[in-house]
C-alpha cells in the first residue's frame, strides 16, 4: 500500500467515524424528544446530501436561494423509533 493509499484509507475511516457520530447524535435527539419526523439542514454539498439520502432522508424540494441550507426529512418507521425507556 502506498503512502497516498494509506492516507486515503485514513481519511475514509475518519469520515466514517464522523458519519456515525452524526447519525448517533440525530437518533439521540429523537430518543430525548420523541416524535417520528427528523428534519435537518445542511450545506448544498452533493456528498452530504447523498450521505443523508443513503439513510432514508428525503430532500425537500423548494426554491432554494444561493447560500440557503438544504432541508432534509426522514419519517421514522415504527422499528426505527427508540423509546426513552428502552435505552
C-alpha atoms as a PDB file:
ATOM      1  CA  UNK A   1       0.000   0.000   0.000  1.00  0.00           C
ATOM      2  CA  UNK A   2       1.377   3.365  -0.999  1.00  0.00           C
ATOM      3  CA  UNK A   3       1.553   6.327   1.355  1.00  0.00           C
ATOM      4  CA  UNK A   4      -1.170   8.031  -0.678  1.00  0.00           C
ATOM      5  CA  UNK A   5      -3.453   4.974  -0.439  1.00  0.00           C
ATOM      6  CA  UNK A   6      -2.844   4.751   3.305  1.00  0.00           C
ATOM      7  CA  UNK A   7      -3.696   8.449   3.642  1.00  0.00           C
ATOM      8  CA  UNK A   8      -6.916   7.940   1.686  1.00  0.00           C
ATOM      9  CA  UNK A   9      -7.865   4.952   3.871  1.00  0.00           C
ATOM     10  CA  UNK A  10      -7.265   7.041   6.988  1.00  0.00           C
ATOM     11  CA  UNK A  11      -9.419   9.838   5.570  1.00  0.00           C
ATOM     12  CA  UNK A  12     -12.236   7.403   4.742  1.00  0.00           C
ATOM     13  CA  UNK A  13     -12.032   5.945   8.249  1.00  0.00           C
ATOM     14  CA  UNK A  14     -12.239   9.425   9.793  1.00  0.00           C
ATOM     15  CA  UNK A  15     -15.189  10.343   7.574  1.00  0.00           C
ATOM     16  CA  UNK A  16     -16.974   7.126   8.521  1.00  0.00           C
ATOM     17  CA  UNK A  17     -16.477   7.870  12.219  1.00  0.00           C
ATOM     18  CA  UNK A  18     -17.836  11.384  11.702  1.00  0.00           C
ATOM     19  CA  UNK A  19     -20.856   9.994   9.861  1.00  0.00           C
ATOM     20  CA  UNK A  20     -21.535   7.517  12.638  1.00  0.00           C
ATOM     21  CA  UNK A  21     -21.340  10.337  15.193  1.00  0.00           C
ATOM     22  CA  UNK A  22     -23.772  12.453  13.170  1.00  0.00           C
ATOM     23  CA  UNK A  23     -26.345   9.663  12.969  1.00  0.00           C
ATOM     24  CA  UNK A  24     -25.872   8.760  16.612  1.00  0.00           C
ATOM     25  CA  UNK A  25     -26.499  12.383  17.593  1.00  0.00           C
ATOM     26  CA  UNK A  26     -29.637  12.561  15.458  1.00  0.00           C
ATOM     27  CA  UNK A  27     -31.050   9.382  16.975  1.00  0.00           C
ATOM     28  CA  UNK A  28     -30.153  10.575  20.467  1.00  0.00           C
ATOM     29  CA  UNK A  29     -32.225  13.698  19.820  1.00  0.00           C
ATOM     30  CA  UNK A  30     -35.140  11.558  18.669  1.00  0.00           C
ATOM     31  CA  UNK A  31     -34.831   9.483  21.837  1.00  0.00           C
ATOM     32  CA  UNK A  32     -34.887  12.553  24.078  1.00  0.00           C
ATOM     33  CA  UNK A  33     -37.601  14.466  22.248  1.00  0.00           C
ATOM     34  CA  UNK A  34     -39.703  11.696  20.766  1.00  0.00           C
ATOM     35  CA  UNK A  35     -41.576  12.032  17.529  1.00  0.00           C
ATOM     36  CA  UNK A  36     -41.424  10.332  14.173  1.00  0.00           C
ATOM     37  CA  UNK A  37     -40.037  13.053  11.930  1.00  0.00           C
ATOM     38  CA  UNK A  38     -36.384  14.056  11.868  1.00  0.00           C
ATOM     39  CA  UNK A  39     -35.526  17.217   9.955  1.00  0.00           C
ATOM     40  CA  UNK A  40     -32.051  18.506   9.344  1.00  0.00           C
ATOM     41  CA  UNK A  41     -30.360  21.202   7.367  1.00  0.00           C
ATOM     42  CA  UNK A  42     -27.007  21.011   5.642  1.00  0.00           C
ATOM     43  CA  UNK A  43     -24.954  22.947   3.163  1.00  0.00           C
ATOM     44  CA  UNK A  44     -25.669  22.319  -0.505  1.00  0.00           C
ATOM     45  CA  UNK A  45     -22.824  19.839  -0.901  1.00  0.00           C
ATOM     46  CA  UNK A  46     -23.709  16.805  -3.045  1.00  0.00           C
ATOM     47  CA  UNK A  47     -21.636  14.470  -0.840  1.00  0.00           C
ATOM     48  CA  UNK A  48     -23.600  15.458   2.286  1.00  0.00           C
ATOM     49  CA  UNK A  49     -26.969  15.194   0.577  1.00  0.00           C
ATOM     50  CA  UNK A  50     -26.056  11.770  -0.824  1.00  0.00           C
ATOM     51  CA  UNK A  51     -24.876  10.638   2.610  1.00  0.00           C
ATOM     52  CA  UNK A  52     -28.165  11.547   4.275  1.00  0.00           C
ATOM     53  CA  UNK A  53     -30.196  10.054   1.408  1.00  0.00           C
ATOM     54  CA  UNK A  54     -28.395   6.744   1.985  1.00  0.00           C
ATOM     55  CA  UNK A  55     -30.006   6.716   5.421  1.00  0.00           C
ATOM     56  CA  UNK A  56     -33.511   7.445   4.162  1.00  0.00           C
ATOM     57  CA  UNK A  57     -33.596  11.236   4.323  1.00  0.00           C
ATOM     58  CA  UNK A  58     -35.500  12.990   1.543  1.00  0.00           C
ATOM     59  CA  UNK A  59     -34.520  16.421   0.261  1.00  0.00           C
ATOM     60  CA  UNK A  60     -37.378  18.899   0.484  1.00  0.00           C
ATOM     61  CA  UNK A  61     -37.844  20.330  -2.975  1.00  0.00           C
ATOM     62  CA  UNK A  62     -38.340  24.071  -2.937  1.00  0.00           C
ATOM     63  CA  UNK A  63     -36.778  27.155  -4.464  1.00  0.00           C
ATOM     64  CA  UNK A  64     -33.520  27.428  -2.564  1.00  0.00           C
ATOM     65  CA  UNK A  65     -31.609  30.667  -2.841  1.00  0.00           C
ATOM     66  CA  UNK A  66     -27.830  30.689  -3.141  1.00  0.00           C
ATOM     67  CA  UNK A  67     -26.337  30.068   0.294  1.00  0.00           C
ATOM     68  CA  UNK A  68     -29.534  28.524   1.736  1.00  0.00           C
ATOM     69  CA  UNK A  69     -29.204  25.377   3.758  1.00  0.00           C
ATOM     70  CA  UNK A  70     -30.796  22.321   2.172  1.00  0.00           C
ATOM     71  CA  UNK A  71     -33.602  20.787   4.235  1.00  0.00           C
ATOM     72  CA  UNK A  72     -33.981  17.019   4.504  1.00  0.00           C
ATOM     73  CA  UNK A  73     -36.537  14.962   6.408  1.00  0.00           C
ATOM     74  CA  UNK A  74     -36.888  11.365   7.451  1.00  0.00           C
ATOM     75  CA  UNK A  75     -40.115   9.861   8.733  1.00  0.00           C
ATOM     76  CA  UNK A  76     -39.105   7.111  11.106  1.00  0.00           C
ATOM     77  CA  UNK A  77     -40.633   3.684  10.672  1.00  0.00           C
ATOM     78  CA  UNK A  78     -42.099   2.032  13.753  1.00  0.00           C
ATOM     79  CA  UNK A  79     -38.999  -0.186  14.126  1.00  0.00           C
ATOM     80  CA  UNK A  80     -36.693   2.869  13.998  1.00  0.00           C
ATOM     81  CA  UNK A  81     -38.345   4.717  16.878  1.00  0.00           C
ATOM     82  CA  UNK A  82     -36.386   4.500  20.082  1.00  0.00           C
ATOM     83  CA  UNK A  83     -38.443   4.927  23.222  1.00  0.00           C
ATOM     84  CA  UNK A  84     -36.733   6.726  26.088  1.00  0.00           C
ATOM     85  CA  UNK A  85     -37.425   3.835  28.463  1.00  0.00           C
ATOM     86  CA  UNK A  86     -35.797   1.350  26.064  1.00  0.00           C
ATOM     87  CA  UNK A  87     -32.300   2.827  26.297  1.00  0.00           C
END
